[in-house]
Amino acid sequence: MMVERQLFKIILIGTALLTGTLLTGFTFVHDMFAQGKAHKGILSLIAWVIYSVLLWGHYQKRLAWP
């Protein structure tokens, strides 16, 4: 249980950093979805969605336990 707790703390920190990176990218890079950069932006958004769903599911399951 302790290893799982540490793993989800690391995933939470990584998701927070990815969120900050995406927000600053959308703010300062005006052509984020340009021809040469589109795949990086799309894959980063997909990763953010996957990590967010993983964390949401983990905390929902954790709250459901008595």
C-alpha atoms as a PDB file:
ATOM      1  CA  MET A   1       0.000   0.000   0.000  1.00  0.00           C
ATOM      2  CA  MET A   2       2.841   2.376   0.719  1.00  0.00           C
ATOM      3  CA  VAL A   3       4.375   1.841  -2.738  1.00  0.00           C
ATOM      4  CA  GLU A   4       0.991   2.440  -4.373  1.00  0.00           C
ATOM      5  CA  ARG A   5       0.530   5.639  -2.364  1.00  0.00           C
ATOM      6  CA  GLN A   6       3.968   6.892  -3.451  1.00  0.00           C
ATOM      7  CA  LEU A   7       3.231   5.972  -7.072  1.00  0.00           C
ATOM      8  CA  PHE A   8       0.046   8.021  -7.126  1.00  0.00           C
ATOM      9  CA  LYS A   9       1.798  10.942  -5.441  1.00  0.00           C
ATOM     10  CA  ILE A  10       4.393  10.883  -8.225  1.00  0.00           C
ATOM     11  CA  ILE A  11       1.643  10.637 -10.872  1.00  0.00           C
ATOM     12  CA  LEU A  12      -0.161  13.573  -9.236  1.00  0.00           C
ATOM     13  CA  ILE A  13       3.001  15.695  -9.298  1.00  0.00           C
ATOM     14  CA  GLY A  14       3.668  14.717 -12.914  1.00  0.00           C
ATOM     15  CA  THR A  15       0.107  15.592 -13.911  1.00  0.00           C
ATOM     16  CA  ALA A  16       0.402  18.960 -12.193  1.00  0.00           C
ATOM     17  CA  LEU A  17       3.652  19.665 -14.044  1.00  0.00           C
ATOM     18  CA  LEU A  18       2.114  18.545 -17.351  1.00  0.00           C
ATOM     19  CA  THR A  19      -0.870  20.817 -16.697  1.00  0.00           C
ATOM     20  CA  GLY A  20       1.453  23.762 -16.075  1.00  0.00           C
ATOM     21  CA  THR A  21       3.439  22.957 -19.188  1.00  0.00           C
ATOM     22  CA  LEU A  22       0.319  22.773 -21.354  1.00  0.00           C
ATOM     23  CA  LEU A  23      -1.055  26.015 -19.928  1.00  0.00           C
ATOM     24  CA  THR A  24       2.176  27.912 -20.539  1.00  0.00           C
ATOM     25  CA  GLY A  25       2.454  26.341 -23.994  1.00  0.00           C
ATOM     26  CA  PHE A  26      -1.037  27.507 -24.948  1.00  0.00           C
ATOM     27  CA  THR A  27      -0.278  30.935 -23.495  1.00  0.00           C
ATOM     28  CA  PHE A  28       3.101  31.661 -25.051  1.00  0.00           C
ATOM     29  CA  VAL A  29       3.285  29.480 -28.186  1.00  0.00           C
ATOM     30  CA  HIS A  30       0.830  30.914 -30.664  1.00  0.00           C
ATOM     31  CA  ASP A  31       1.281  28.207 -33.283  1.00  0.00           C
ATOM     32  CA  MET A  32       1.259  25.205 -30.939  1.00  0.00           C
ATOM     33  CA  PHE A  33      -0.656  23.102 -33.454  1.00  0.00           C
ATOM     34  CA  ALA A  34       1.411  24.139 -36.468  1.00  0.00           C
ATOM     35  CA  GLN A  35       2.469  21.571 -39.049  1.00  0.00           C
ATOM     36  CA  GLY A  36       5.679  20.456 -37.306  1.00  0.00           C
ATOM     37  CA  LYS A  37       4.436  20.665 -33.729  1.00  0.00           C
ATOM     38  CA  ALA A  38       0.891  19.289 -33.934  1.00  0.00           C
ATOM     39  CA  HIS A  39       1.746  15.741 -32.906  1.00  0.00           C
ATOM     40  CA  LYS A  40       3.512  16.920 -29.743  1.00  0.00           C
ATOM     41  CA  GLY A  41       0.569  19.029 -28.621  1.00  0.00           C
ATOM     42  CA  ILE A  42      -2.002  16.341 -29.388  1.00  0.00           C
ATOM     43  CA  LEU A  43      -0.028  13.580 -27.680  1.00  0.00           C
ATOM     44  CA  SER A  44       0.512  15.799 -24.639  1.00  0.00           C
ATOM     45  CA  LEU A  45      -3.223  16.474 -24.408  1.00  0.00           C
ATOM     46  CA  ILE A  46      -3.973  12.747 -24.713  1.00  0.00           C
ATOM     47  CA  ALA A  47      -1.449  12.002 -21.951  1.00  0.00           C
ATOM     48  CA  TRP A  48      -3.025  14.667 -19.735  1.00  0.00           C
ATOM     49  CA  VAL A  49      -6.486  13.134 -20.233  1.00  0.00           C
ATOM     50  CA  ILE A  50      -5.217   9.621 -19.468  1.00  0.00           C
ATOM     51  CA  TYR A  51      -3.405  10.726 -16.300  1.00  0.00           C
ATOM     52  CA  SER A  52      -6.388  12.786 -15.149  1.00  0.00           C
ATOM     53  CA  VAL A  53      -8.797   9.878 -15.628  1.00  0.00           C
ATOM     54  CA  LEU A  54      -6.381   7.556 -13.812  1.00  0.00           C
ATOM     55  CA  LEU A  55      -6.126   9.906 -10.830  1.00  0.00           C
ATOM     56  CA  TRP A  56      -9.869  10.587 -10.787  1.00  0.00           C
ATOM     57  CA  GLY A  57     -10.631   6.854 -10.801  1.00  0.00           C
ATOM     58  CA  HIS A  58      -8.084   6.173  -8.079  1.00  0.00           C
ATOM     59  CA  TYR A  59      -9.471   8.828  -5.757  1.00  0.00           C
ATOM     60  CA  GLN A  60     -13.077   7.788  -6.479  1.00  0.00           C
ATOM     61  CA  LYS A  61     -12.243   4.200  -5.556  1.00  0.00           C
ATOM     62  CA  ARG A  62     -10.345   5.355  -2.477  1.00  0.00           C
ATOM     63  CA  LEU A  63     -13.323   7.399  -1.274  1.00  0.00           C
ATOM     64  CA  ALA A  64     -15.679   4.449  -1.837  1.00  0.00           C
ATOM     65  CA  TRP A  65     -13.735   2.238   0.591  1.00  0.00           C
ATOM     66  CA  PRO A  66     -15.037   2.399   4.150  1.00  0.00           C
END
